[in-house]
Amino acid sequence: MKLTQDELKKFDEDGYLFFPGRFTPEEATLMKSEADKIYQTERKEVWREKSGVARTAFAAHTYNETFRRLGAHPRLIEPVQQVLDGSTYMHQFKINAKAAFDGEVWQWHQDYGTWQRDDEMPEPRAMNIAVFLDDVTAANGPLLFIPGSHKQGVVAAGHDLETTSYPLWTLDRETVSALADKGGCVAPTGPAGSVLMFSSLLVHASPPNISPIGRTIVYLSLCHVDNHIRAFNREEWIAHRDFTPIEALGDDCFDALINTETQAAE
């Protein structure tokens, strides 16, 4: 999947692009089923909320075939490599859940802020590309973006070790308010299978999910191979140390898995 010149221009201006329904309902259903299976396991890579429900599952591409294929899917890999102008490796892979009633907040932050401070990633030549595994609505904890905030560079942040189970370099209210005064605040919503790609400098967050409707999003954090991390302070399954360039699979790489699931259900 290649981005058009208009899409590249919009990404430069806003810091993100949204593609509703980029994956088919069948592909989204396959991924959601596999994510649910992972959340039911007791693995060190699966972090949980204080209530016990799953918050995030790291590195699923290393132990699950569906997510291994997603980690090399051309609809995700090719546009990121286009923007970053070269080969990429997987810096981080996570499946984030916002469980019905119990999904907790992700505070305001920049991803590169963490990657720079914790992992010594030299430059923000990295970004996220995400796939909705459920319909994401205004009610069930959508991502919140401040358009254009990526142009501010790395913003001062504090290390929040207490709000949730996951430590995060977060922005204070005054900073977020000032940025929103300039760029506003948006919440991209759409059906399962939709894709978001956004700059690692884009300021974003997501609210708690107190609705009765869960939502799950899988994130690939891709980094240019020349920009790999220099410090190994975090677990390898959180900040990967395999800098091998990703080779994109065929666009039909999910077909065999979907056919197997269909046959098993019959």
Protein backbone atom coordinates (compact mmCIF):
# COMPACT_ATOMS: atom_id res chain seq x y z
CA MET A 1 0.00 0.00 0.00
CA LYS A 2 1.55 3.27 -1.10
CA LEU A 3 0.46 6.69 0.13
CA THR A 4 -0.55 9.37 -2.35
CA GLN A 5 1.04 12.81 -2.41
CA ASP A 6 -2.09 14.25 -0.80
CA GLU A 7 -1.88 11.68 2.00
CA LEU A 8 1.79 12.42 2.55
CA LYS A 9 1.01 16.13 2.76
CA LYS A 10 -1.80 15.53 5.27
CA PHE A 11 0.44 13.31 7.37
CA ASP A 12 3.08 16.04 7.45
CA GLU A 13 0.49 18.63 8.50
CA ASP A 14 -1.55 16.65 11.03
CA GLY A 15 0.83 13.93 12.18
CA TYR A 16 -1.58 11.09 11.46
CA LEU A 17 -3.65 9.35 8.78
CA PHE A 18 -6.81 7.29 9.20
CA PHE A 19 -7.96 4.54 6.82
CA PRO A 20 -11.42 3.18 7.72
CA GLY A 21 -11.96 -0.51 6.91
CA ARG A 22 -8.46 -1.16 5.54
CA PHE A 23 -8.72 -4.79 6.67
CA THR A 24 -11.79 -6.90 5.89
CA PRO A 25 -14.28 -7.97 8.57
CA GLU A 26 -12.98 -11.54 8.22
CA GLU A 27 -9.39 -10.42 8.79
CA ALA A 28 -10.40 -8.31 11.78
CA THR A 29 -12.39 -11.21 13.26
CA LEU A 30 -9.39 -13.51 12.93
CA MET A 31 -7.13 -11.05 14.75
CA LYS A 32 -9.67 -10.35 17.50
CA SER A 33 -10.13 -14.06 18.15
CA GLU A 34 -6.38 -14.54 18.49
CA ALA A 35 -6.05 -11.50 20.74
CA ASP A 36 -8.74 -12.86 23.07
CA LYS A 37 -6.89 -16.18 23.29
CA ILE A 38 -3.67 -14.38 24.23
CA TYR A 39 -5.42 -12.33 26.93
CA GLN A 40 -6.59 -15.57 28.53
CA THR A 41 -3.03 -16.83 28.98
CA GLU A 42 -0.72 -16.21 31.91
CA ARG A 43 2.37 -14.83 30.20
CA LYS A 44 4.86 -12.24 31.38
CA GLU A 45 4.11 -10.29 28.19
CA VAL A 46 0.45 -9.81 29.18
CA TRP A 47 0.00 -6.86 31.55
CA ARG A 48 -3.24 -6.43 33.46
CA GLU A 49 -5.26 -3.63 34.98
CA LYS A 50 -5.69 -3.47 38.75
CA SER A 51 -9.07 -5.17 38.21
CA GLY A 52 -7.30 -8.14 36.60
CA VAL A 53 -8.51 -7.63 33.04
CA ALA A 54 -5.90 -7.49 30.29
CA ARG A 55 -4.38 -4.08 29.53
CA THR A 56 -1.79 -4.94 26.90
CA ALA A 57 -0.05 -7.95 25.38
CA PHE A 58 3.50 -7.31 24.20
CA ALA A 59 5.44 -9.03 21.41
CA ALA A 60 2.54 -11.19 20.19
CA HIS A 61 4.23 -11.39 16.78
CA THR A 62 6.90 -13.59 18.37
CA TYR A 63 4.53 -16.29 19.69
CA ASN A 64 1.36 -16.11 17.58
CA GLU A 65 1.19 -16.89 13.86
CA THR A 66 -1.61 -14.44 13.04
CA PHE A 67 0.28 -11.55 14.59
CA ARG A 68 3.57 -12.70 13.09
CA ARG A 69 1.94 -12.20 9.71
CA LEU A 70 0.40 -8.90 10.73
CA GLY A 71 3.87 -7.73 11.73
CA ALA A 72 4.95 -8.09 8.11
CA HIS A 73 1.70 -7.14 6.39
CA PRO A 74 2.25 -4.89 3.35
CA ARG A 75 -0.74 -2.69 4.20
CA LEU A 76 1.16 -1.65 7.33
CA ILE A 77 4.82 -2.02 6.46
CA GLU A 78 4.89 -0.33 3.07
CA PRO A 79 3.38 3.07 3.99
CA VAL A 80 5.61 3.36 7.06
CA GLN A 81 8.72 2.53 5.05
CA GLN A 82 7.60 5.12 2.53
CA VAL A 83 7.37 7.85 5.16
CA LEU A 84 10.56 6.82 6.98
CA ASP A 85 12.37 6.44 3.65
CA GLY A 86 13.91 3.04 4.13
CA SER A 87 13.81 -0.35 5.79
CA THR A 88 12.28 -0.72 9.23
CA TYR A 89 12.47 -3.13 12.14
CA MET A 90 9.93 -3.84 14.87
CA HIS A 91 10.75 -1.70 17.90
CA GLN A 92 7.59 -2.68 19.76
CA PHE A 93 4.45 -4.73 19.14
CA LYS A 94 1.50 -4.57 21.48
CA ILE A 95 -2.20 -5.40 21.58
CA ASN A 96 -3.96 -2.86 23.78
CA ALA A 97 -7.35 -3.65 25.28
CA LYS A 98 -9.92 -1.33 26.75
CA ALA A 99 -12.11 -3.86 28.52
CA ALA A 100 -15.78 -3.00 28.99
CA PHE A 101 -16.27 -1.06 32.26
CA ASP A 102 -12.67 -1.65 33.42
CA GLY A 103 -10.37 -0.31 30.68
CA GLU A 104 -8.12 2.31 32.26
CA VAL A 105 -6.69 5.56 30.93
CA TRP A 106 -3.58 6.01 28.79
CA GLN A 107 -2.29 9.41 29.86
CA TRP A 108 -1.24 12.21 27.48
CA HIS A 109 2.17 11.37 26.04
CA GLN A 110 4.44 11.12 23.02
CA ASP A 111 5.75 7.66 22.19
CA TYR A 112 9.13 8.95 21.08
CA GLY A 113 9.49 10.64 24.45
CA THR A 114 9.67 7.19 26.03
CA TRP A 115 11.75 5.67 23.25
CA GLN A 116 14.30 8.46 23.54
CA ARG A 117 14.49 8.55 27.34
CA ASP A 118 14.26 4.83 28.12
CA ASP A 119 15.74 3.21 25.00
CA GLU A 120 18.09 5.90 23.65
CA MET A 121 16.53 5.90 20.19
CA PRO A 122 18.60 8.59 18.43
CA GLU A 123 15.92 10.34 16.35
CA PRO A 124 12.13 10.23 15.89
CA ARG A 125 12.52 8.19 12.71
CA ALA A 126 9.88 5.80 13.97
CA MET A 127 6.11 5.70 14.12
CA ASN A 128 3.05 3.71 15.05
CA ILE A 129 0.60 2.03 12.76
CA ALA A 130 -2.46 0.50 14.38
CA VAL A 131 -5.37 -1.77 13.48
CA PHE A 132 -8.77 -1.65 15.16
CA LEU A 133 -9.85 -5.18 16.14
CA ASP A 134 -13.24 -3.91 17.34
CA ASP A 135 -15.45 -1.08 16.23
CA VAL A 136 -14.05 2.01 17.94
CA THR A 137 -16.68 4.56 18.93
CA ALA A 138 -16.92 7.75 20.94
CA ALA A 139 -18.11 5.60 23.85
CA ASN A 140 -15.49 2.89 24.28
CA GLY A 141 -12.21 4.72 24.86
CA PRO A 142 -10.99 5.96 21.45
CA LEU A 143 -7.56 7.41 20.88
CA LEU A 144 -7.35 11.18 21.28
CA PHE A 145 -4.93 13.12 19.07
CA ILE A 146 -3.80 16.74 19.05
CA PRO A 147 -3.26 17.40 15.32
CA GLY A 148 0.00 19.14 14.48
CA SER A 149 1.53 18.53 17.91
CA HIS A 150 4.27 16.42 16.31
CA LYS A 151 5.85 19.61 15.01
CA GLN A 152 6.77 20.68 18.57
CA GLY A 153 9.57 18.11 18.87
CA VAL A 154 10.08 16.29 22.15
CA VAL A 155 7.98 17.96 24.84
CA ALA A 156 8.95 18.06 28.51
CA ALA A 157 7.39 15.16 30.42
CA GLY A 158 7.30 13.55 33.83
CA HIS A 159 7.69 9.84 34.57
CA ASP A 160 4.35 8.57 35.86
CA LEU A 161 4.86 5.32 37.77
CA GLU A 162 1.62 5.32 39.74
CA THR A 163 -1.49 6.09 37.66
CA THR A 164 -1.70 2.72 35.90
CA SER A 165 0.16 -0.59 35.77
CA TYR A 166 2.33 0.71 32.92
CA PRO A 167 5.03 3.39 33.53
CA LEU A 168 4.80 6.28 31.08
CA TRP A 169 6.45 9.64 30.36
CA THR A 170 3.42 11.94 30.52
CA LEU A 171 2.59 15.57 29.74
CA ASP A 172 1.03 17.94 32.25
CA ARG A 173 -2.33 19.62 31.79
CA GLU A 174 -0.91 23.03 30.99
CA THR A 175 1.19 21.65 28.14
CA VAL A 176 -1.67 19.63 26.69
CA SER A 177 -4.05 22.57 26.94
CA ALA A 178 -1.62 24.88 25.16
CA LEU A 179 -1.13 22.37 22.35
CA ALA A 180 -4.86 21.80 21.99
CA ASP A 181 -5.45 25.56 21.78
CA LYS A 182 -3.41 25.45 18.57
CA GLY A 183 -4.38 22.10 17.05
CA GLY A 184 -7.65 21.08 18.64
CA CYS A 185 -8.39 17.53 19.72
CA VAL A 186 -9.77 14.69 17.58
CA ALA A 187 -10.83 11.08 18.17
CA PRO A 188 -10.71 8.92 15.01
CA THR A 189 -13.47 6.31 15.18
CA GLY A 190 -14.47 3.58 12.76
CA PRO A 191 -15.18 -0.09 12.17
CA ALA A 192 -13.01 -3.06 13.05
CA GLY A 193 -10.27 -3.37 10.45
CA SER A 194 -9.59 0.36 10.29
CA VAL A 195 -5.97 1.53 10.32
CA LEU A 196 -4.30 4.52 11.99
CA MET A 197 -0.75 5.62 11.37
CA PHE A 198 0.74 8.41 13.43
CA SER A 199 4.01 10.14 14.16
CA SER A 200 5.99 9.05 17.19
CA LEU A 201 5.97 12.73 18.25
CA LEU A 202 2.19 13.15 18.05
CA VAL A 203 0.69 13.94 21.46
CA HIS A 204 -2.07 11.44 22.20
CA ALA A 205 -4.02 9.67 24.95
CA SER A 206 -7.15 7.61 25.51
CA PRO A 207 -9.79 7.87 28.21
CA PRO A 208 -11.05 5.09 30.49
CA ASN A 209 -13.69 2.82 29.01
CA ILE A 210 -16.69 2.83 31.32
CA SER A 211 -19.00 1.68 28.55
CA PRO A 212 -20.29 -1.92 28.31
CA ILE A 213 -18.47 -2.27 24.96
CA GLY A 214 -14.85 -3.38 24.84
CA ARG A 215 -12.31 -2.25 22.27
CA THR A 216 -8.97 -3.70 21.21
CA ILE A 217 -6.28 -2.10 19.03
CA VAL A 218 -3.00 -3.67 17.90
CA TYR A 219 0.02 -1.41 17.42
CA LEU A 220 3.17 -1.89 15.40
CA SER A 221 5.91 0.54 16.42
CA LEU A 222 8.30 0.58 13.50
CA CYS A 223 11.73 2.22 13.45
CA HIS A 224 14.21 2.87 10.63
CA VAL A 225 16.96 0.27 10.89
CA ASP A 226 19.68 2.96 11.05
CA ASN A 227 17.89 4.53 14.01
CA HIS A 228 17.80 1.48 16.27
CA ILE A 229 17.89 1.86 20.03
CA ARG A 230 21.24 2.14 21.81
CA ALA A 231 20.21 1.24 25.36
CA PHE A 232 18.68 -2.00 26.60
CA ASN A 233 17.07 -0.86 29.83
CA ARG A 234 13.71 -2.51 29.26
CA GLU A 235 12.79 -6.15 28.69
CA GLU A 236 13.51 -7.38 25.16
CA TRP A 237 9.84 -8.17 24.66
CA ILE A 238 9.00 -4.51 25.35
CA ALA A 239 11.79 -2.83 23.39
CA HIS A 240 13.09 -5.28 20.80
CA ARG A 241 16.77 -5.80 20.03
CA ASP A 242 16.40 -7.61 16.72
CA PHE A 243 17.10 -4.90 14.15
CA THR A 244 16.61 -7.14 11.13
CA PRO A 245 14.74 -5.30 8.34
CA ILE A 246 11.16 -6.50 7.95
CA GLU A 247 10.34 -8.07 4.60
CA ALA A 248 6.69 -7.57 3.70
CA LEU A 249 4.58 -10.64 3.03
CA GLY A 250 1.94 -10.90 0.33
CA ASP A 251 -1.31 -9.02 0.71
CA ASP A 252 -3.18 -12.35 0.95
CA CYS A 253 -1.10 -13.62 3.87
CA PHE A 254 -4.16 -14.04 6.11
CA ASP A 255 -6.19 -16.08 3.63
CA ALA A 256 -4.92 -19.52 4.64
CA LEU A 257 -5.52 -18.77 8.33
CA ILE A 258 -9.05 -17.55 7.65
CA ASN A 259 -9.80 -20.64 5.58
CA THR A 260 -8.53 -22.87 8.40
CA GLU A 261 -10.75 -21.06 10.91
CA THR A 262 -13.76 -21.36 8.61
CA GLN A 263 -13.23 -25.08 8.07
CA ALA A 264 -12.83 -25.67 11.80
CA ALA A 265 -16.13 -23.92 12.46
CA GLU A 266 -18.06 -26.02 9.93
